[in-house]
Amino acid sequence: QVQVVESGGGLVQAGGSLRLSCAASGRTFSIYAMGWFRQAPGKEREFVAAITWSGSRIYYTNSVKGRFTISRDNAKITVYLQMNSLKPEDTAVYYCAADTTRGRTSQGVEDYDYWGQGTQVTVSS
């Protein structure tokens, strides 16, 4: 089993920044990639960004490219999501997830095996 715990959400004005953290524990050697997803009220959970533990592959959804940066600290077994130039439409619960399948960096919710409880990000206009 793998456990992931997010932190760092909060309330910020439009144009501001937040950094989310996701700490993994348990059988972390089984993790191949980590992803960030978000879910706004009344909407489906959507992909935001993903990174392999090696850092060799990184993906972003188009709406956050140039504003968000995903990174990892292997020593701390932690993945970060630096969010800059935040917009009201970025408001959502942000979830971290772990994928244990080798060789892929998926953008699909269904492909991730372990999920955190989520952290709220609210961007005011």
Foldseek 3Di string as FASTA:
>chain_A
DKAKAKDWADEEAAQAKTKMKIFMDDPLVLFFKKFKWWDDPPGDIFGAKMAGPVRPDIDGDPVQPPFWDWDDDVVRNMIMIIGGRDDQVVWTWMKMFTARDPDDTDRDPVRTDYIYPTDTHGYHD
